Amino acid sequence: MRNLGKYRGVFPAFYACYDDEGRVSKERTQGLVRHLAAKGIRGLYVSGSSGECIYQSLEERMRTLDYVMEAGAGKMTIIAHVAAPSTRHSIELALHAKALGADALAAIPPIYFRLPEKSIQRYWTDMIEAADMDFIIYNIPQTTGYSLSVQLLRTMIELPRVIGVKNSSMPVLDIQQFREAAGPDFVLFNGPDEQFVAGRLMGADAGIGGTYAVMPELFLAADACVVSGEYGHAAEIQGAINRIIMEMIGFSGSIYSVAKQLLREQGLVVGDSRLPMEPISSSEYPRVRKLNEAISAAVGKYRAGSAGRVGK
């Protein structure tokens, strides 16, 4: 019997944590795990886009997962994103995640070359067969150039280990179609943070997102409202989230650089983003400070307004 309940809820996409020299930091990685756990987060998505996996070596990705598992194993559901440019390296990451006791694997399709669906199917299937772990397909066509088809999904779910899809395509219609194709015994994760509530209402069981870590209380509150049927309040919280996200994308550097500076304002240092992702300018720090004040105000308003419901 599959235990899918542990995959429901709010899963921050974990940030890469570096020391001042740009090396993966155990102290800062585990500090972020503890920070999110203290906020009520019970699951993490490690080494995805927010984890800067495309700019890290295999060793760095393994070390990051080592540190996360050491701090979070047994307390949080850990999903390890293991896609790499080659199947061989993806399997290496998958076996490492299995050895550490991660709960599930996830993977985008192969990138760079535009491969036929049969190649994508084999890429994912080889990982699943090698590691024999719960597996989550990651659909993010805006970066991979491939949009998961209902036909391939139906083929993949014939494998018992395929338990879900993280859907980061923008149309929420995709969530509805994937739900109808896969049925109820399947986990759908909403990807775009700015439509978390919409995705949940269209059939997503959970969310994985790159801005969750700077405002986890707001996503937990929105999720709790969806669960309790308070859809109007959920939409109001989503509006507050979206205003923050729109501000985050208006800086000179990458959104992850903004997120890391916001965490610094919140008292948690996780290092800078890795080039070629640009840092923000020091002249923009006052804007980050003001944005953090807006996050604090929203958390105070909506968490207090959802007393007894947040994290329920």
Protein backbone atom coordinates (compact mmCIF):
# COMPACT_ATOMS: atom_id res chain seq x y z
CA MET A 1 0.00 0.00 0.00
CA ARG A 2 1.48 3.33 -1.05
CA ASN A 3 1.78 6.04 1.60
CA LEU A 4 0.93 9.12 -0.41
CA GLY A 5 -0.25 11.20 2.53
CA LYS A 6 3.30 12.29 3.34
CA TYR A 7 3.53 14.05 -0.02
CA ARG A 8 0.64 16.42 0.60
CA GLY A 9 1.02 19.99 1.76
CA VAL A 10 3.66 22.70 1.31
CA PHE A 11 7.17 21.75 0.09
CA PRO A 12 9.69 24.58 -0.23
CA ALA A 13 12.14 24.14 -3.08
CA PHE A 14 15.34 24.16 -1.07
CA TYR A 15 17.96 26.84 -1.80
CA ALA A 16 21.62 26.09 -2.43
CA CYS A 17 23.52 27.21 0.68
CA TYR A 18 27.10 28.37 0.26
CA ASP A 19 29.82 29.69 2.53
CA ASP A 20 31.49 33.04 1.86
CA GLU A 21 33.84 31.38 -0.66
CA GLY A 22 30.99 29.84 -2.63
CA ARG A 23 31.38 26.27 -1.36
CA VAL A 24 28.42 24.17 -0.23
CA SER A 25 28.06 24.85 3.49
CA LYS A 26 26.94 22.20 5.95
CA GLU A 27 26.22 24.76 8.65
CA ARG A 28 24.11 26.99 6.42
CA THR A 29 22.33 24.09 4.72
CA GLN A 30 21.28 22.60 8.03
CA GLY A 31 20.42 26.03 9.38
CA LEU A 32 17.89 26.46 6.57
CA VAL A 33 16.42 23.00 7.25
CA ARG A 34 15.96 23.85 10.94
CA HIS A 35 14.56 27.30 10.10
CA LEU A 36 11.87 25.84 7.85
CA ALA A 37 11.04 23.04 10.29
CA ALA A 38 10.50 25.65 13.00
CA LYS A 39 8.04 27.42 10.71
CA GLY A 40 5.93 24.25 10.43
CA ILE A 41 7.27 22.89 7.15
CA ARG A 42 7.18 19.10 6.97
CA GLY A 43 8.63 18.45 3.51
CA LEU A 44 11.45 19.68 1.27
CA TYR A 45 12.29 19.45 -2.42
CA VAL A 46 16.08 19.32 -2.72
CA SER A 47 18.41 20.07 -5.63
CA GLY A 48 15.89 21.44 -8.10
CA SER A 49 15.95 24.77 -9.90
CA SER A 50 15.97 26.72 -6.63
CA GLY A 51 18.85 24.50 -5.50
CA GLU A 52 20.89 25.68 -8.50
CA CYS A 53 21.44 22.07 -9.55
CA ILE A 54 22.33 23.05 -13.09
CA TYR A 55 25.35 24.95 -11.76
CA GLN A 56 26.55 22.33 -9.28
CA SER A 57 28.77 19.28 -9.63
CA LEU A 58 27.46 15.82 -8.75
CA GLU A 59 29.59 15.90 -5.61
CA GLU A 60 28.06 19.20 -4.51
CA ARG A 61 24.54 17.90 -5.08
CA MET A 62 25.30 14.76 -3.10
CA ARG A 63 26.85 16.76 -0.28
CA THR A 64 23.81 19.04 -0.11
CA LEU A 65 21.50 16.04 0.20
CA ASP A 66 23.81 14.52 2.83
CA TYR A 67 23.45 17.65 4.95
CA VAL A 68 19.69 17.97 4.44
CA MET A 69 19.08 14.34 5.34
CA GLU A 70 21.27 14.56 8.43
CA ALA A 71 19.18 17.48 9.70
CA GLY A 72 15.74 16.51 8.40
CA ALA A 73 15.48 12.73 8.08
CA GLY A 74 12.64 11.32 10.15
CA LYS A 75 11.20 14.81 10.66
CA MET A 76 10.44 15.85 7.10
CA THR A 77 9.52 14.20 3.80
CA ILE A 78 12.52 14.65 1.51
CA ILE A 79 12.14 14.61 -2.26
CA ALA A 80 15.49 14.53 -4.09
CA HIS A 81 15.64 15.93 -7.59
CA VAL A 82 18.18 13.76 -9.41
CA ALA A 83 18.00 14.74 -13.08
CA ALA A 84 21.42 15.30 -14.66
CA PRO A 85 22.53 15.71 -18.27
CA SER A 86 23.25 11.99 -18.63
CA THR A 87 21.29 8.94 -17.50
CA ARG A 88 24.46 7.56 -15.87
CA HIS A 89 24.86 10.58 -13.62
CA SER A 90 21.13 10.69 -12.83
CA ILE A 91 21.27 7.07 -11.67
CA GLU A 92 24.32 7.87 -9.56
CA LEU A 93 22.39 10.65 -7.82
CA ALA A 94 19.34 8.39 -7.46
CA LEU A 95 21.31 5.59 -5.79
CA HIS A 96 22.91 8.10 -3.45
CA ALA A 97 19.45 9.41 -2.46
CA LYS A 98 18.28 5.85 -1.88
CA ALA A 99 21.29 5.09 0.32
CA LEU A 100 20.53 8.15 2.44
CA GLY A 101 16.87 7.17 2.90
CA ALA A 102 15.21 9.96 0.92
CA ASP A 103 11.48 9.47 0.46
CA ALA A 104 11.23 10.02 -3.27
CA LEU A 105 13.08 10.95 -6.42
CA ALA A 106 12.07 13.58 -8.97
CA ALA A 107 13.45 14.43 -12.38
CA ILE A 108 12.91 16.81 -15.25
CA PRO A 109 13.17 15.36 -18.76
CA PRO A 110 16.58 15.38 -20.51
CA ILE A 111 17.68 18.88 -21.50
CA TYR A 112 19.57 20.52 -24.37
CA PHE A 113 18.80 18.01 -27.13
CA ARG A 114 15.18 17.75 -28.21
CA LEU A 115 14.69 14.02 -27.74
CA PRO A 116 11.65 11.95 -28.74
CA GLU A 117 9.23 10.81 -26.04
CA LYS A 118 10.57 7.27 -26.14
CA SER A 119 13.97 8.62 -25.02
CA ILE A 120 12.37 10.66 -22.21
CA GLN A 121 10.41 7.59 -21.13
CA ARG A 122 13.58 5.49 -21.00
CA TYR A 123 15.50 8.23 -19.14
CA TRP A 124 12.94 8.25 -16.33
CA THR A 125 12.38 4.48 -16.40
CA ASP A 126 16.11 3.74 -16.05
CA MET A 127 16.24 5.84 -12.86
CA ILE A 128 13.15 4.17 -11.44
CA GLU A 129 14.41 0.66 -12.15
CA ALA A 130 17.88 1.40 -10.76
CA ALA A 131 16.74 2.90 -7.46
CA ASP A 132 13.28 1.32 -6.93
CA MET A 133 11.95 4.40 -5.14
CA ASP A 134 8.84 6.57 -5.35
CA PHE A 135 9.26 8.76 -8.41
CA ILE A 136 7.82 12.17 -9.31
CA ILE A 137 7.87 13.46 -12.87
CA TYR A 138 8.84 17.13 -13.05
CA ASN A 139 7.08 18.97 -15.86
CA ILE A 140 8.60 22.39 -16.50
CA PRO A 141 8.37 23.08 -20.24
CA GLN A 142 9.48 26.71 -20.01
CA THR A 143 13.03 25.58 -19.13
CA THR A 144 13.27 22.09 -20.65
CA GLY A 145 11.48 22.65 -23.93
CA TYR A 146 9.28 19.59 -23.38
CA SER A 147 5.69 19.59 -22.14
CA LEU A 148 4.55 16.35 -20.54
CA SER A 149 1.86 14.73 -22.67
CA VAL A 150 -1.11 12.91 -21.21
CA GLN A 151 -0.12 9.94 -23.36
CA LEU A 152 3.36 9.67 -21.83
CA LEU A 153 1.93 10.18 -18.35
CA ARG A 154 -0.45 7.27 -18.90
CA THR A 155 2.48 5.13 -20.01
CA MET A 156 4.65 6.13 -17.05
CA ILE A 157 1.99 5.47 -14.41
CA GLU A 158 1.94 1.84 -15.46
CA LEU A 159 5.12 1.69 -13.35
CA PRO A 160 3.98 1.39 -9.71
CA ARG A 161 6.81 3.61 -8.47
CA VAL A 162 5.53 6.63 -10.42
CA ILE A 163 3.46 8.34 -7.75
CA GLY A 164 3.18 11.94 -8.87
CA VAL A 165 3.87 14.91 -11.11
CA LYS A 166 5.32 18.25 -10.12
CA ASN A 167 3.63 20.48 -12.66
CA SER A 168 5.30 23.84 -13.28
CA SER A 169 3.60 24.61 -16.57
CA MET A 170 1.50 27.76 -16.33
CA PRO A 171 -1.92 26.46 -17.46
CA VAL A 172 -3.81 25.03 -14.48
CA LEU A 173 -5.73 23.06 -17.10
CA ASP A 174 -2.70 20.74 -17.18
CA ILE A 175 -3.31 19.83 -13.54
CA GLN A 176 -6.91 18.95 -14.30
CA GLN A 177 -5.91 16.82 -17.28
CA PHE A 178 -3.16 15.02 -15.37
CA ARG A 179 -5.61 14.34 -12.53
CA GLU A 180 -8.16 12.85 -14.90
CA ALA A 181 -5.48 10.71 -16.57
CA ALA A 182 -3.85 9.47 -13.35
CA GLY A 183 -6.84 9.16 -11.04
CA PRO A 184 -7.10 9.86 -7.32
CA ASP A 185 -4.31 7.53 -6.13
CA PHE A 186 -1.67 9.91 -7.41
CA VAL A 187 -0.02 13.10 -6.11
CA LEU A 188 -0.06 16.31 -8.12
CA PHE A 189 2.19 19.17 -7.02
CA ASN A 190 1.45 22.70 -8.17
CA GLY A 191 4.64 24.40 -9.35
CA PRO A 192 3.99 28.09 -10.16
CA ASP A 193 3.92 29.86 -6.80
CA GLU A 194 1.68 32.64 -8.08
CA GLN A 195 -1.14 30.17 -8.73
CA PHE A 196 -0.78 27.89 -5.72
CA VAL A 197 -4.42 28.27 -4.69
CA ALA A 198 -5.69 27.91 -8.26
CA GLY A 199 -3.63 24.75 -8.70
CA ARG A 200 -4.98 23.29 -5.46
CA LEU A 201 -8.55 24.02 -6.52
CA MET A 202 -7.97 22.39 -9.90
CA GLY A 203 -6.80 19.16 -8.30
CA ALA A 204 -3.26 19.56 -6.97
CA ASP A 205 -2.65 17.87 -3.61
CA ALA A 206 0.39 19.91 -2.70
CA GLY A 207 2.79 22.58 -3.85
CA ILE A 208 6.52 22.85 -4.46
CA GLY A 209 7.83 26.36 -4.94
CA GLY A 210 10.89 28.56 -5.03
CA THR A 211 9.48 31.44 -2.96
CA TYR A 212 7.97 29.31 -0.18
CA ALA A 213 11.09 29.52 1.98
CA VAL A 214 10.92 33.31 2.38
CA MET A 215 7.25 33.28 3.41
CA PRO A 216 6.32 29.72 4.46
CA GLU A 217 3.63 30.94 6.84
CA LEU A 218 1.64 32.44 3.97
CA PHE A 219 1.66 29.25 1.90
CA LEU A 220 0.79 27.17 4.95
CA ALA A 221 -2.10 29.52 5.70
CA ALA A 222 -3.36 29.41 2.10
CA ASP A 223 -3.13 25.61 2.07
CA ALA A 224 -5.01 25.36 5.35
CA CYS A 225 -7.79 27.54 3.96
CA VAL A 226 -8.09 25.35 0.86
CA VAL A 227 -8.31 22.24 3.05
CA SER A 228 -11.01 23.81 5.23
CA GLY A 229 -12.98 25.12 2.23
CA GLU A 230 -12.36 28.81 2.95
CA TYR A 231 -11.63 29.58 -0.67
CA GLY A 232 -12.23 33.31 -0.49
CA HIS A 233 -9.71 33.67 2.31
CA ALA A 234 -7.28 31.45 0.40
CA ALA A 235 -7.59 33.72 -2.64
CA GLU A 236 -6.95 36.78 -0.46
CA ILE A 237 -3.74 35.23 0.88
CA GLN A 238 -2.73 34.29 -2.66
CA GLY A 239 -3.14 37.94 -3.62
CA ALA A 240 -0.74 38.96 -0.86
CA ILE A 241 1.74 36.29 -1.98
CA ASN A 242 1.54 37.47 -5.58
CA ARG A 243 2.23 41.08 -4.70
CA ILE A 244 5.39 39.93 -2.94
CA ILE A 245 6.44 37.75 -5.88
CA MET A 246 5.90 40.60 -8.33
CA GLU A 247 8.22 42.73 -6.23
CA MET A 248 10.81 39.93 -6.08
CA ILE A 249 11.08 39.68 -9.85
CA GLY A 250 11.63 43.42 -10.20
CA PHE A 251 15.20 43.46 -8.91
CA SER A 252 18.36 43.55 -11.00
CA GLY A 253 19.55 40.09 -9.95
CA SER A 254 17.97 36.64 -10.06
CA ILE A 255 14.91 35.88 -7.96
CA TYR A 256 17.02 33.45 -5.92
CA SER A 257 19.48 36.22 -5.11
CA VAL A 258 16.53 38.27 -3.87
CA ALA A 259 15.26 35.32 -1.83
CA LYS A 260 18.63 34.81 -0.20
CA GLN A 261 18.87 38.48 0.70
CA LEU A 262 15.38 38.30 2.18
CA LEU A 263 16.48 35.37 4.34
CA ARG A 264 19.48 37.43 5.43
CA GLU A 265 17.07 40.16 6.50
CA GLN A 266 15.18 37.49 8.45
CA GLY A 267 18.36 36.55 10.29
CA LEU A 268 19.44 33.53 8.23
CA VAL A 269 22.57 33.65 6.06
CA VAL A 270 22.68 31.08 3.25
CA GLY A 271 25.26 32.71 0.96
CA ASP A 272 24.87 34.14 -2.51
CA SER A 273 23.59 32.60 -5.71
CA ARG A 274 26.16 31.12 -8.06
CA LEU A 275 27.11 32.86 -11.27
CA PRO A 276 25.90 33.20 -13.97
CA MET A 277 22.85 34.03 -11.83
CA GLU A 278 23.42 37.67 -11.03
CA PRO A 279 23.44 39.02 -7.48
CA ILE A 280 21.35 42.04 -6.67
CA SER A 281 23.01 45.40 -6.27
CA SER A 282 23.83 46.60 -2.75
CA SER A 283 21.92 49.76 -3.66
CA GLU A 284 18.79 47.59 -3.73
CA TYR A 285 19.19 46.32 -0.17
CA PRO A 286 16.83 48.99 1.22
CA ARG A 287 14.16 47.70 -1.20
CA VAL A 288 14.74 44.17 0.08
CA ARG A 289 14.37 45.43 3.64
CA LYS A 290 11.09 47.11 2.74
CA LEU A 291 9.89 43.94 1.01
CA ASN A 292 10.73 41.89 4.07
CA GLU A 293 8.65 44.28 6.13
CA ALA A 294 5.75 43.64 3.74
CA ILE A 295 6.20 39.88 4.21
CA SER A 296 6.20 40.30 7.99
CA ALA A 297 3.03 42.38 7.83
CA ALA A 298 1.28 39.82 5.63
CA VAL A 299 2.34 36.96 7.90
CA GLY A 300 1.06 38.87 10.91
CA LYS A 301 -2.25 39.57 9.23
CA TYR A 302 -3.02 36.23 7.67
CA ARG A 303 -1.46 33.92 10.18
CA ALA A 304 -3.35 35.70 12.95
CA GLY A 305 -6.47 35.63 10.79
CA SER A 306 -6.06 31.88 10.33
CA ALA A 307 -5.45 31.03 13.98
CA GLY A 308 -6.05 27.36 14.60
CA ARG A 309 -5.90 26.60 10.87
CA VAL A 310 -2.28 27.20 9.87
CA GLY A 311 -0.49 23.88 9.40
CA LYS A 312 -3.67 21.95 10.24
